[in-house]
mmCIF file of all heavy atoms, coordinates in Angstrom:
data_MODEL
# 
_entry.id   MODEL 
# 
loop_
_atom_site.group_PDB 
_atom_site.id 
_atom_site.type_symbol 
_atom_site.label_atom_id 
_atom_site.label_alt_id 
_atom_site.label_comp_id 
_atom_site.label_asym_id 
_atom_site.label_entity_id 
_atom_site.label_seq_id 
_atom_site.pdbx_PDB_ins_code 
_atom_site.Cartn_x 
_atom_site.Cartn_y 
_atom_site.Cartn_z 
_atom_site.occupancy 
_atom_site.B_iso_or_equiv 
_atom_site.pdbx_formal_charge 
_atom_site.auth_seq_id 
_atom_site.auth_comp_id 
_atom_site.auth_asym_id 
_atom_site.auth_atom_id 
_atom_site.pdbx_PDB_model_num 
ATOM 1   N N   . LYS A 1 1  ? 0.852   -1.184  0.000   1.00 0.00 ? 1  LYS A N   1 
ATOM 2   C CA  . LYS A 1 1  ? 0.000   0.000   0.000   1.00 0.00 ? 1  LYS A CA  1 
ATOM 3   C C   . LYS A 1 1  ? 0.883   1.226   0.000   1.00 0.00 ? 1  LYS A C   1 
ATOM 4   O O   . LYS A 1 1  ? 1.825   1.307   0.789   1.00 0.00 ? 1  LYS A O   1 
ATOM 5   C CB  . LYS A 1 1  ? -0.918  0.011   1.214   1.00 0.00 ? 1  LYS A CB  1 
ATOM 6   C CG  . LYS A 1 1  ? -1.978  -1.082  1.195   1.00 0.00 ? 1  LYS A CG  1 
ATOM 7   C CD  . LYS A 1 1  ? -2.896  -0.980  2.410   1.00 0.00 ? 1  LYS A CD  1 
ATOM 8   C CE  . LYS A 1 1  ? -3.979  -2.062  2.368   1.00 0.00 ? 1  LYS A CE  1 
ATOM 9   N NZ  . LYS A 1 1  ? -4.893  -1.968  3.551   1.00 0.00 ? 1  LYS A NZ  1 
ATOM 10  N N   . VAL A 1 2  ? 0.577   2.168   -0.881  1.00 0.00 ? 2  VAL A N   1 
ATOM 11  C CA  . VAL A 1 2  ? 1.341   3.409   -0.982  1.00 0.00 ? 2  VAL A CA  1 
ATOM 12  C C   . VAL A 1 2  ? 0.383   4.567   -1.141  1.00 0.00 ? 2  VAL A C   1 
ATOM 13  O O   . VAL A 1 2  ? -0.756  4.395   -1.619  1.00 0.00 ? 2  VAL A O   1 
ATOM 14  C CB  . VAL A 1 2  ? 2.328   3.368   -2.162  1.00 0.00 ? 2  VAL A CB  1 
ATOM 15  C CG1 . VAL A 1 2  ? 3.409   2.321   -1.951  1.00 0.00 ? 2  VAL A CG1 1 
ATOM 16  C CG2 . VAL A 1 2  ? 1.590   3.121   -3.481  1.00 0.00 ? 2  VAL A CG2 1 
ATOM 17  N N   . LYS A 1 3  ? 0.762   5.753   -0.732  1.00 0.00 ? 3  LYS A N   1 
ATOM 18  C CA  . LYS A 1 3  ? -0.081  6.949   -0.858  1.00 0.00 ? 3  LYS A CA  1 
ATOM 19  C C   . LYS A 1 3  ? 0.109   7.616   -2.212  1.00 0.00 ? 3  LYS A C   1 
ATOM 20  O O   . LYS A 1 3  ? -0.832  8.227   -2.743  1.00 0.00 ? 3  LYS A O   1 
ATOM 21  C CB  . LYS A 1 3  ? 0.239   7.935   0.247   1.00 0.00 ? 3  LYS A CB  1 
ATOM 22  C CG  . LYS A 1 3  ? -0.178  7.463   1.634   1.00 0.00 ? 3  LYS A CG  1 
ATOM 23  C CD  . LYS A 1 3  ? 0.117   8.523   2.671   1.00 0.00 ? 3  LYS A CD  1 
ATOM 24  C CE  . LYS A 1 3  ? -0.361  8.079   4.063   1.00 0.00 ? 3  LYS A CE  1 
ATOM 25  N NZ  . LYS A 1 3  ? -0.098  9.128   5.093   1.00 0.00 ? 3  LYS A NZ  1 
ATOM 26  N N   . ASP A 1 4  ? 1.347   7.564   -2.732  1.00 0.00 ? 4  ASP A N   1 
ATOM 27  C CA  . ASP A 1 4  ? 1.622   8.242   -3.999  1.00 0.00 ? 4  ASP A CA  1 
ATOM 28  C C   . ASP A 1 4  ? 1.577   7.255   -5.153  1.00 0.00 ? 4  ASP A C   1 
ATOM 29  O O   . ASP A 1 4  ? 1.612   6.033   -4.969  1.00 0.00 ? 4  ASP A O   1 
ATOM 30  C CB  . ASP A 1 4  ? 2.995   8.907   -3.942  1.00 0.00 ? 4  ASP A CB  1 
ATOM 31  C CG  . ASP A 1 4  ? 3.062   9.965   -2.847  1.00 0.00 ? 4  ASP A CG  1 
ATOM 32  O OD1 . ASP A 1 4  ? 2.059   10.684  -2.683  1.00 0.00 ? 4  ASP A OD1 1 
ATOM 33  O OD2 . ASP A 1 4  ? 4.121   10.049  -2.188  1.00 0.00 ? 4  ASP A OD2 1 
ATOM 34  N N   . ALA A 1 5  ? 1.551   7.815   -6.368  1.00 0.00 ? 5  ALA A N   1 
ATOM 35  C CA  . ALA A 1 5  ? 1.485   6.965   -7.567  1.00 0.00 ? 5  ALA A CA  1 
ATOM 36  C C   . ALA A 1 5  ? 2.885   6.475   -7.927  1.00 0.00 ? 5  ALA A C   1 
ATOM 37  O O   . ALA A 1 5  ? 3.375   6.641   -9.051  1.00 0.00 ? 5  ALA A O   1 
ATOM 38  C CB  . ALA A 1 5  ? 0.873   7.737   -8.724  1.00 0.00 ? 5  ALA A CB  1 
ATOM 39  N N   . ALA A 1 6  ? 3.557   5.875   -6.964  1.00 0.00 ? 6  ALA A N   1 
ATOM 40  C CA  . ALA A 1 6  ? 4.901   5.350   -7.183  1.00 0.00 ? 6  ALA A CA  1 
ATOM 41  C C   . ALA A 1 6  ? 5.200   4.336   -6.099  1.00 0.00 ? 6  ALA A C   1 
ATOM 42  O O   . ALA A 1 6  ? 4.668   4.415   -4.978  1.00 0.00 ? 6  ALA A O   1 
ATOM 43  C CB  . ALA A 1 6  ? 5.932   6.468   -7.165  1.00 0.00 ? 6  ALA A CB  1 
ATOM 44  N N   . TRP A 1 7  ? 6.039   3.378   -6.488  1.00 0.00 ? 7  TRP A N   1 
ATOM 45  C CA  . TRP A 1 7  ? 6.480   2.359   -5.518  1.00 0.00 ? 7  TRP A CA  1 
ATOM 46  C C   . TRP A 1 7  ? 7.899   1.953   -5.863  1.00 0.00 ? 7  TRP A C   1 
ATOM 47  O O   . TRP A 1 7  ? 8.288   1.866   -7.041  1.00 0.00 ? 7  TRP A O   1 
ATOM 48  C CB  . TRP A 1 7  ? 5.560   1.138   -5.574  1.00 0.00 ? 7  TRP A CB  1 
ATOM 49  C CG  . TRP A 1 7  ? 6.034   0.005   -4.680  1.00 0.00 ? 7  TRP A CG  1 
ATOM 50  C CD1 . TRP A 1 7  ? 5.753   -0.157  -3.374  1.00 0.00 ? 7  TRP A CD1 1 
ATOM 51  C CD2 . TRP A 1 7  ? 6.862   -1.091  -5.060  1.00 0.00 ? 7  TRP A CD2 1 
ATOM 52  N NE1 . TRP A 1 7  ? 6.354   -1.288  -2.867  1.00 0.00 ? 7  TRP A NE1 1 
ATOM 53  C CE2 . TRP A 1 7  ? 7.053   -1.884  -3.909  1.00 0.00 ? 7  TRP A CE2 1 
ATOM 54  C CE3 . TRP A 1 7  ? 7.482   -1.471  -6.257  1.00 0.00 ? 7  TRP A CE3 1 
ATOM 55  C CZ2 . TRP A 1 7  ? 7.835   -3.050  -3.913  1.00 0.00 ? 7  TRP A CZ2 1 
ATOM 56  C CZ3 . TRP A 1 7  ? 8.247   -2.634  -6.250  1.00 0.00 ? 7  TRP A CZ3 1 
ATOM 57  C CH2 . TRP A 1 7  ? 8.419   -3.406  -5.096  1.00 0.00 ? 7  TRP A CH2 1 
ATOM 58  N N   . ASN A 1 8  ? 8.704   1.701   -4.848  1.00 0.00 ? 8  ASN A N   1 
ATOM 59  C CA  . ASN A 1 8  ? 10.017  1.120   -5.108  1.00 0.00 ? 8  ASN A CA  1 
ATOM 60  C C   . ASN A 1 8  ? 10.308  0.094   -4.038  1.00 0.00 ? 8  ASN A C   1 
ATOM 61  O O   . ASN A 1 8  ? 9.885   0.215   -2.888  1.00 0.00 ? 8  ASN A O   1 
ATOM 62  C CB  . ASN A 1 8  ? 11.113  2.191   -5.160  1.00 0.00 ? 8  ASN A CB  1 
ATOM 63  C CG  . ASN A 1 8  ? 11.243  2.942   -3.865  1.00 0.00 ? 8  ASN A CG  1 
ATOM 64  O OD1 . ASN A 1 8  ? 11.757  2.418   -2.887  1.00 0.00 ? 8  ASN A OD1 1 
ATOM 65  N ND2 . ASN A 1 8  ? 10.757  4.198   -3.843  1.00 0.00 ? 8  ASN A ND2 1 
ATOM 66  N N   . GLY A 1 9  ? 11.030  -0.936  -4.455  1.00 0.00 ? 9  GLY A N   1 
ATOM 67  C CA  . GLY A 1 9  ? 11.399  -2.027  -3.572  1.00 0.00 ? 9  GLY A CA  1 
ATOM 68  C C   . GLY A 1 9  ? 12.377  -2.956  -4.280  1.00 0.00 ? 9  GLY A C   1 
ATOM 69  O O   . GLY A 1 9  ? 12.726  -2.755  -5.448  1.00 0.00 ? 9  GLY A O   1 
ATOM 70  N N   . ARG A 1 10 ? 12.737  -3.975  -3.576  1.00 0.00 ? 10 ARG A N   1 
ATOM 71  C CA  . ARG A 1 10 ? 13.726  -4.908  -4.134  1.00 0.00 ? 10 ARG A CA  1 
ATOM 72  C C   . ARG A 1 10 ? 13.023  -6.199  -4.522  1.00 0.00 ? 10 ARG A C   1 
ATOM 73  O O   . ARG A 1 10 ? 12.286  -6.789  -3.712  1.00 0.00 ? 10 ARG A O   1 
ATOM 74  C CB  . ARG A 1 10 ? 14.834  -5.183  -3.136  1.00 0.00 ? 10 ARG A CB  1 
ATOM 75  C CG  . ARG A 1 10 ? 15.644  -3.934  -2.816  1.00 0.00 ? 10 ARG A CG  1 
ATOM 76  C CD  . ARG A 1 10 ? 16.867  -4.261  -1.976  1.00 0.00 ? 10 ARG A CD  1 
ATOM 77  N NE  . ARG A 1 10 ? 17.613  -3.057  -1.672  1.00 0.00 ? 10 ARG A NE  1 
ATOM 78  C CZ  . ARG A 1 10 ? 18.498  -2.489  -2.477  1.00 0.00 ? 10 ARG A CZ  1 
ATOM 79  N NH1 . ARG A 1 10 ? 18.746  -3.030  -3.646  1.00 0.00 ? 10 ARG A NH1 1 
ATOM 80  N NH2 . ARG A 1 10 ? 19.129  -1.394  -2.114  1.00 0.00 ? 10 ARG A NH2 1 
ATOM 81  N N   . LEU A 1 11 ? 13.310  -6.629  -5.772  1.00 0.00 ? 11 LEU A N   1 
ATOM 82  C CA  . LEU A 1 11 ? 12.719  -7.862  -6.289  1.00 0.00 ? 11 LEU A CA  1 
ATOM 83  C C   . LEU A 1 11 ? 13.838  -8.739  -6.859  1.00 0.00 ? 11 LEU A C   1 
ATOM 84  O O   . LEU A 1 11 ? 14.796  -8.251  -7.470  1.00 0.00 ? 11 LEU A O   1 
ATOM 85  C CB  . LEU A 1 11 ? 11.708  -7.560  -7.392  1.00 0.00 ? 11 LEU A CB  1 
ATOM 86  C CG  . LEU A 1 11 ? 10.469  -6.748  -6.998  1.00 0.00 ? 11 LEU A CG  1 
ATOM 87  C CD1 . LEU A 1 11 ? 9.617   -6.475  -8.236  1.00 0.00 ? 11 LEU A CD1 1 
ATOM 88  C CD2 . LEU A 1 11 ? 9.641   -7.490  -5.943  1.00 0.00 ? 11 LEU A CD2 1 
ATOM 89  N N   . ALA A 1 12 ? 13.663  -10.022 -6.657  1.00 0.00 ? 12 ALA A N   1 
ATOM 90  C CA  . ALA A 1 12 ? 14.600  -10.963 -7.278  1.00 0.00 ? 12 ALA A CA  1 
ATOM 91  C C   . ALA A 1 12 ? 14.346  -11.002 -8.772  1.00 0.00 ? 12 ALA A C   1 
ATOM 92  O O   . ALA A 1 12 ? 13.205  -10.854 -9.229  1.00 0.00 ? 12 ALA A O   1 
ATOM 93  C CB  . ALA A 1 12 ? 14.413  -12.349 -6.670  1.00 0.00 ? 12 ALA A CB  1 
ATOM 94  N N   . PRO A 1 13 ? 15.360  -11.164 -9.582  1.00 0.00 ? 13 PRO A N   1 
ATOM 95  C CA  . PRO A 1 13 ? 15.156  -11.263 -11.025 1.00 0.00 ? 13 PRO A CA  1 
ATOM 96  C C   . PRO A 1 13 ? 14.171  -12.381 -11.360 1.00 0.00 ? 13 PRO A C   1 
ATOM 97  O O   . PRO A 1 13 ? 14.198  -13.457 -10.761 1.00 0.00 ? 13 PRO A O   1 
ATOM 98  C CB  . PRO A 1 13 ? 16.546  -11.556 -11.575 1.00 0.00 ? 13 PRO A CB  1 
ATOM 99  C CG  . PRO A 1 13 ? 17.473  -10.984 -10.552 1.00 0.00 ? 13 PRO A CG  1 
ATOM 100 C CD  . PRO A 1 13 ? 16.803  -11.219 -9.237  1.00 0.00 ? 13 PRO A CD  1 
ATOM 101 N N   . GLY A 1 14 ? 13.263  -12.122 -12.259 1.00 0.00 ? 14 GLY A N   1 
ATOM 102 C CA  . GLY A 1 14 ? 12.287  -13.122 -12.652 1.00 0.00 ? 14 GLY A CA  1 
ATOM 103 C C   . GLY A 1 14 ? 11.113  -12.498 -13.368 1.00 0.00 ? 14 GLY A C   1 
ATOM 104 O O   . GLY A 1 14 ? 11.099  -11.294 -13.683 1.00 0.00 ? 14 GLY A O   1 
ATOM 105 N N   . LYS A 1 15 ? 10.068  -13.301 -13.626 1.00 0.00 ? 15 LYS A N   1 
ATOM 106 C CA  . LYS A 1 15 ? 8.849   -12.852 -14.298 1.00 0.00 ? 15 LYS A CA  1 
ATOM 107 C C   . LYS A 1 15 ? 7.780   -12.557 -13.244 1.00 0.00 ? 15 LYS A C   1 
ATOM 108 O O   . LYS A 1 15 ? 7.589   -13.342 -12.312 1.00 0.00 ? 15 LYS A O   1 
ATOM 109 C CB  . LYS A 1 15 ? 8.345   -13.911 -15.251 1.00 0.00 ? 15 LYS A CB  1 
ATOM 110 C CG  . LYS A 1 15 ? 9.295   -14.189 -16.416 1.00 0.00 ? 15 LYS A CG  1 
ATOM 111 C CD  . LYS A 1 15 ? 8.719   -15.242 -17.343 1.00 0.00 ? 15 LYS A CD  1 
ATOM 112 C CE  . LYS A 1 15 ? 9.666   -15.509 -18.515 1.00 0.00 ? 15 LYS A CE  1 
ATOM 113 N NZ  . LYS A 1 15 ? 9.115   -16.534 -19.436 1.00 0.00 ? 15 LYS A NZ  1 
ATOM 114 N N   . TYR A 1 16 ? 7.079   -11.450 -13.412 1.00 0.00 ? 16 TYR A N   1 
ATOM 115 C CA  . TYR A 1 16 ? 6.081   -11.022 -12.425 1.00 0.00 ? 16 TYR A CA  1 
ATOM 116 C C   . TYR A 1 16 ? 4.784   -10.619 -13.126 1.00 0.00 ? 16 TYR A C   1 
ATOM 117 O O   . TYR A 1 16 ? 4.796   -10.179 -14.294 1.00 0.00 ? 16 TYR A O   1 
ATOM 118 C CB  . TYR A 1 16 ? 6.600   -9.829  -11.613 1.00 0.00 ? 16 TYR A CB  1 
ATOM 119 C CG  . TYR A 1 16 ? 7.738   -10.177 -10.673 1.00 0.00 ? 16 TYR A CG  1 
ATOM 120 C CD1 . TYR A 1 16 ? 9.049   -10.183 -11.126 1.00 0.00 ? 16 TYR A CD1 1 
ATOM 121 C CD2 . TYR A 1 16 ? 7.481   -10.493 -9.350  1.00 0.00 ? 16 TYR A CD2 1 
ATOM 122 C CE1 . TYR A 1 16 ? 10.088  -10.501 -10.278 1.00 0.00 ? 16 TYR A CE1 1 
ATOM 123 C CE2 . TYR A 1 16 ? 8.526   -10.813 -8.480  1.00 0.00 ? 16 TYR A CE2 1 
ATOM 124 C CZ  . TYR A 1 16 ? 9.828   -10.812 -8.948  1.00 0.00 ? 16 TYR A CZ  1 
ATOM 125 O OH  . TYR A 1 16 ? 10.852  -11.119 -8.092  1.00 0.00 ? 16 TYR A OH  1 
ATOM 126 N N   . MET A 1 17 ? 3.655   -10.778 -12.333 1.00 0.00 ? 17 MET A N   1 
ATOM 127 C CA  . MET A 1 17 ? 2.355   -10.234 -12.721 1.00 0.00 ? 17 MET A CA  1 
ATOM 128 C C   . MET A 1 17 ? 1.988   -9.153  -11.702 1.00 0.00 ? 17 MET A C   1 
ATOM 129 O O   . MET A 1 17 ? 2.200   -9.326  -10.491 1.00 0.00 ? 17 MET A O   1 
ATOM 130 C CB  . MET A 1 17 ? 1.278   -11.321 -12.723 1.00 0.00 ? 17 MET A CB  1 
ATOM 131 C CG  . MET A 1 17 ? 1.554   -12.468 -13.686 1.00 0.00 ? 17 MET A CG  1 
ATOM 132 S SD  . MET A 1 17 ? 1.520   -11.949 -15.410 1.00 0.00 ? 17 MET A SD  1 
ATOM 133 C CE  . MET A 1 17 ? -0.229  -11.580 -15.580 1.00 0.00 ? 17 MET A CE  1 
ATOM 134 N N   . MET A 1 18 ? 1.451   -8.054  -12.182 1.00 0.00 ? 18 MET A N   1 
ATOM 135 C CA  . MET A 1 18 ? 1.142   -6.947  -11.292 1.00 0.00 ? 18 MET A CA  1 
ATOM 136 C C   . MET A 1 18 ? -0.295  -6.456  -11.539 1.00 0.00 ? 18 MET A C   1 
ATOM 137 O O   . MET A 1 18 ? -0.731  -6.336  -12.687 1.00 0.00 ? 18 MET A O   1 
ATOM 138 C CB  . MET A 1 18 ? 2.115   -5.794  -11.520 1.00 0.00 ? 18 MET A CB  1 
ATOM 139 C CG  . MET A 1 18 ? 1.907   -4.641  -10.538 1.00 0.00 ? 18 MET A CG  1 
ATOM 140 S SD  . MET A 1 18 ? 2.833   -3.182  -11.026 1.00 0.00 ? 18 MET A SD  1 
ATOM 141 C CE  . MET A 1 18 ? 1.907   -2.680  -12.460 1.00 0.00 ? 18 MET A CE  1 
ATOM 142 N N   . LYS A 1 19 ? -1.018  -6.198  -10.398 1.00 0.00 ? 19 LYS A N   1 
ATOM 143 C CA  . LYS A 1 19 ? -2.345  -5.566  -10.461 1.00 0.00 ? 19 LYS A CA  1 
ATOM 144 C C   . LYS A 1 19 ? -2.330  -4.343  -9.554  1.00 0.00 ? 19 LYS A C   1 
ATOM 145 O O   . LYS A 1 19 ? -1.595  -4.319  -8.565  1.00 0.00 ? 19 LYS A O   1 
ATOM 146 C CB  . LYS A 1 19 ? -3.443  -6.538  -10.014 1.00 0.00 ? 19 LYS A CB  1 
ATOM 147 C CG  . LYS A 1 19 ? -3.624  -7.713  -10.960 1.00 0.00 ? 19 LYS A CG  1 
ATOM 148 C CD  . LYS A 1 19 ? -4.876  -8.515  -10.620 1.00 0.00 ? 19 LYS A CD  1 
ATOM 149 C CE  . LYS A 1 19 ? -4.766  -9.145  -9.248  1.00 0.00 ? 19 LYS A CE  1 
ATOM 150 N NZ  . LYS A 1 19 ? -5.969  -9.973  -8.951  1.00 0.00 ? 19 LYS A NZ  1 
ATOM 151 N N   . LEU A 1 20 ? -3.169  -3.385  -9.883  1.00 0.00 ? 20 LEU A N   1 
ATOM 152 C CA  . LEU A 1 20 ? -3.185  -2.119  -9.155  1.00 0.00 ? 20 LEU A CA  1 
ATOM 153 C C   . LEU A 1 20 ? -4.642  -1.664  -8.970  1.00 0.00 ? 20 LEU A C   1 
ATOM 154 O O   . LEU A 1 20 ? -5.445  -1.785  -9.892  1.00 0.00 ? 20 LEU A O   1 
ATOM 155 C CB  . LEU A 1 20 ? -2.393  -1.074  -9.959  1.00 0.00 ? 20 LEU A CB  1 
ATOM 156 C CG  . LEU A 1 20 ? -2.394  0.355   -9.426  1.00 0.00 ? 20 LEU A CG  1 
ATOM 157 C CD1 . LEU A 1 20 ? -1.596  0.435   -8.120  1.00 0.00 ? 20 LEU A CD1 1 
ATOM 158 C CD2 . LEU A 1 20 ? -1.787  1.282   -10.477 1.00 0.00 ? 20 LEU A CD2 1 
ATOM 159 N N   . ARG A 1 21 ? -4.947  -1.148  -7.760  1.00 0.00 ? 21 ARG A N   1 
ATOM 160 C CA  . ARG A 1 21 ? -6.252  -0.489  -7.551  1.00 0.00 ? 21 ARG A CA  1 
ATOM 161 C C   . ARG A 1 21 ? -6.086  0.671   -6.594  1.00 0.00 ? 21 ARG A C   1 
ATOM 162 O O   . ARG A 1 21 ? -5.132  0.690   -5.808  1.00 0.00 ? 21 ARG A O   1 
ATOM 163 C CB  . ARG A 1 21 ? -7.293  -1.460  -7.035  1.00 0.00 ? 21 ARG A CB  1 
ATOM 164 C CG  . ARG A 1 21 ? -7.069  -1.973  -5.648  1.00 0.00 ? 21 ARG A CG  1 
ATOM 165 C CD  . ARG A 1 21 ? -8.182  -2.933  -5.253  1.00 0.00 ? 21 ARG A CD  1 
ATOM 166 N NE  . ARG A 1 21 ? -7.981  -3.452  -3.919  1.00 0.00 ? 21 ARG A NE  1 
ATOM 167 C CZ  . ARG A 1 21 ? -8.815  -4.328  -3.341  1.00 0.00 ? 21 ARG A CZ  1 
ATOM 168 N NH1 . ARG A 1 21 ? -9.898  -4.735  -4.012  1.00 0.00 ? 21 ARG A NH1 1 
ATOM 169 N NH2 . ARG A 1 21 ? -8.580  -4.768  -2.123  1.00 0.00 ? 21 ARG A NH2 1 
ATOM 170 N N   . SER A 1 22 ? -7.007  1.587   -6.660  1.00 0.00 ? 22 SER A N   1 
ATOM 171 C CA  . SER A 1 22 ? -6.926  2.788   -5.813  1.00 0.00 ? 22 SER A CA  1 
ATOM 172 C C   . SER A 1 22 ? -7.991  2.729   -4.708  1.00 0.00 ? 22 SER A C   1 
ATOM 173 O O   . SER A 1 22 ? -8.983  1.978   -4.807  1.00 0.00 ? 22 SER A O   1 
ATOM 174 C CB  . SER A 1 22 ? -7.150  4.046   -6.656  1.00 0.00 ? 22 SER A CB  1 
ATOM 175 O OG  . SER A 1 22 ? -8.456  4.033   -7.230  1.00 0.00 ? 22 SER A OG  1 
ATOM 176 N N   . ARG A 1 23 ? -7.829  3.549   -3.665  1.00 0.00 ? 23 ARG A N   1 
ATOM 177 C CA  . ARG A 1 23 ? -8.822  3.710   -2.586  1.00 0.00 ? 23 ARG A CA  1 
ATOM 178 C C   . ARG A 1 23 ? -9.086  5.209   -2.436  1.00 0.00 ? 23 ARG A C   1 
ATOM 179 O O   . ARG A 1 23 ? -8.160  6.012   -2.504  1.00 0.00 ? 23 ARG A O   1 
ATOM 180 C CB  . ARG A 1 23 ? -8.291  3.133   -1.279  1.00 0.00 ? 23 ARG A CB  1 
ATOM 181 C CG  . ARG A 1 23 ? -8.232  1.604   -1.268  1.00 0.00 ? 23 ARG A CG  1 
ATOM 182 C CD  . ARG A 1 23 ? -7.709  1.098   0.068   1.00 0.00 ? 23 ARG A CD  1 
ATOM 183 N NE  . ARG A 1 23 ? -7.657  -0.340  0.099   1.00 0.00 ? 23 ARG A NE  1 
ATOM 184 C CZ  . ARG A 1 23 ? -8.656  -1.131  0.507   1.00 0.00 ? 23 ARG A CZ  1 
ATOM 185 N NH1 . ARG A 1 23 ? -9.800  -0.566  0.950   1.00 0.00 ? 23 ARG A NH1 1 
ATOM 186 N NH2 . ARG A 1 23 ? -8.528  -2.452  0.530   1.00 0.00 ? 23 ARG A NH2 1 
ATOM 187 N N   . ASP A 1 24 ? -10.405 5.513   -2.190  1.00 0.00 ? 24 ASP A N   1 
ATOM 188 C CA  . ASP A 1 24 ? -10.748 6.922   -2.016  1.00 0.00 ? 24 ASP A CA  1 
ATOM 189 C C   . ASP A 1 24 ? -10.564 7.332   -0.564  1.00 0.00 ? 24 ASP A C   1 
ATOM 190 O O   . ASP A 1 24 ? -10.037 6.574   0.245   1.00 0.00 ? 24 ASP A O   1 
ATOM 191 C CB  . ASP A 1 24 ? -12.172 7.184   -2.519  1.00 0.00 ? 24 ASP A CB  1 
ATOM 192 C CG  . ASP A 1 24 ? -13.213 6.365   -1.756  1.00 0.00 ? 24 ASP A CG  1 
ATOM 193 O OD1 . ASP A 1 24 ? -12.862 5.838   -0.668  1.00 0.00 ? 24 ASP A OD1 1 
ATOM 194 O OD2 . ASP A 1 24 ? -14.344 6.260   -2.231  1.00 0.00 ? 24 ASP A OD2 1 
ATOM 195 N N   . TYR A 1 25 ? -11.082 8.522   -0.243  1.00 0.00 ? 25 TYR A N   1 
ATOM 196 C CA  . TYR A 1 25 ? -10.854 9.059   1.101   1.00 0.00 ? 25 TYR A CA  1 
ATOM 197 C C   . TYR A 1 25 ? -11.547 8.243   2.165   1.00 0.00 ? 25 TYR A C   1 
ATOM 198 O O   . TYR A 1 25 ? -11.221 8.311   3.341   1.00 0.00 ? 25 TYR A O   1 
ATOM 199 C CB  . TYR A 1 25 ? -11.321 10.529  1.165   1.00 0.00 ? 25 TYR A CB  1 
ATOM 200 C CG  . TYR A 1 25 ? -12.806 10.695  1.073   1.00 0.00 ? 25 TYR A CG  1 
ATOM 201 C CD1 . TYR A 1 25 ? -13.599 10.819  2.218   1.00 0.00 ? 25 TYR A CD1 1 
ATOM 202 C CD2 . TYR A 1 25 ? -13.437 10.720  -0.179  1.00 0.00 ? 25 TYR A CD2 1 
ATOM 203 C CE1 . TYR A 1 25 ? -14.973 10.971  2.112   1.00 0.00 ? 25 TYR A CE1 1 
ATOM 204 C CE2 . TYR A 1 25 ? -14.784 10.878  -0.284  1.00 0.00 ? 25 TYR A CE2 1 
ATOM 205 C CZ  . TYR A 1 25 ? -15.562 11.007  0.866   1.00 0.00 ? 25 TYR A CZ  1 
ATOM 206 O OH  . TYR A 1 25 ? -16.916 11.155  0.755   1.00 0.00 ? 25 TYR A OH  1 
ATOM 207 N N   . ARG A 1 26 ? -12.513 7.429   1.727   1.00 0.00 ? 26 ARG A N   1 
ATOM 208 C CA  . ARG A 1 26 ? -13.218 6.586   2.693   1.00 0.00 ? 26 ARG A CA  1 
ATOM 209 C C   . ARG A 1 26 ? -12.527 5.240   2.886   1.00 0.00 ? 26 ARG A C   1 
ATOM 210 O O   . ARG A 1 26 ? -12.936 4.442   3.709   1.00 0.00 ? 26 ARG A O   1 
ATOM 211 C CB  . ARG A 1 26 ? -14.645 6.339   2.197   1.00 0.00 ? 26 ARG A CB  1 
ATOM 212 C CG  . ARG A 1 26 ? -15.493 7.590   2.071   1.00 0.00 ? 26 ARG A CG  1 
ATOM 213 C CD  . ARG A 1 26 ? -16.775 7.291   1.374   1.00 0.00 ? 26 ARG A CD  1 
ATOM 214 N NE  . ARG A 1 26 ? -16.517 6.854   0.008   1.00 0.00 ? 26 ARG A NE  1 
ATOM 215 C CZ  . ARG A 1 26 ? -17.453 6.359   -0.803  1.00 0.00 ? 26 ARG A CZ  1 
ATOM 216 N NH1 . ARG A 1 26 ? -18.697 6.213   -0.377  1.00 0.00 ? 26 ARG A NH1 1 
ATOM 217 N NH2 . ARG A 1 26 ? -17.135 6.006   -2.023  1.00 0.00 ? 26 ARG A NH2 1 
ATOM 218 N N   . GLY A 1 27 ? -11.542 5.000   2.046   1.00 0.00 ? 27 GLY A N   1 
ATOM 219 C CA  . GLY A 1 27 ? -10.876 3.708   2.103   1.00 0.00 ? 27 GLY A CA  1 
ATOM 220 C C   . GLY A 1 27 ? -11.535 2.668   1.264   1.00 0.00 ? 27 GLY A C   1 
ATOM 221 O O   . GLY A 1 27 ? -11.188 1.484   1.342   1.00 0.00 ? 27 GLY A O   1 
ATOM 222 N N   . VAL A 1 28 ? -12.519 3.096   0.470   1.00 0.00 ? 28 VAL A N   1 
ATOM 223 C CA  . VAL A 1 28 ? -13.230 2.143   -0.393  1.00 0.00 ? 28 VAL A CA  1 
ATOM 224 C C   . VAL A 1 28 ? -12.338 1.863   -1.616  1.00 0.00 ? 28 VAL A C   1 
ATOM 225 O O   . VAL A 1 28 ? -11.914 2.792   -2.314  1.00 0.00 ? 28 VAL A O   1 
ATOM 226 C CB  . VAL A 1 28 ? -14.586 2.715   -0.824  1.00 0.00 ? 28 VAL A CB  1 
ATOM 227 C CG1 . VAL A 1 28 ? -15.281 1.759   -1.790  1.00 0.00 ? 28 VAL A CG1 1 
ATOM 228 C CG2 . VAL A 1 28 ? -15.451 2.988   0.392   1.00 0.00 ? 28 VAL A CG2 1 
# 
């Protein structure tokens, strides 16, 4: 979970699948 439209972290080399969704001020 991140507040800004960016993320960084460390990943092992390989193939990945990624999904993304947002939450509003209510947390929905």
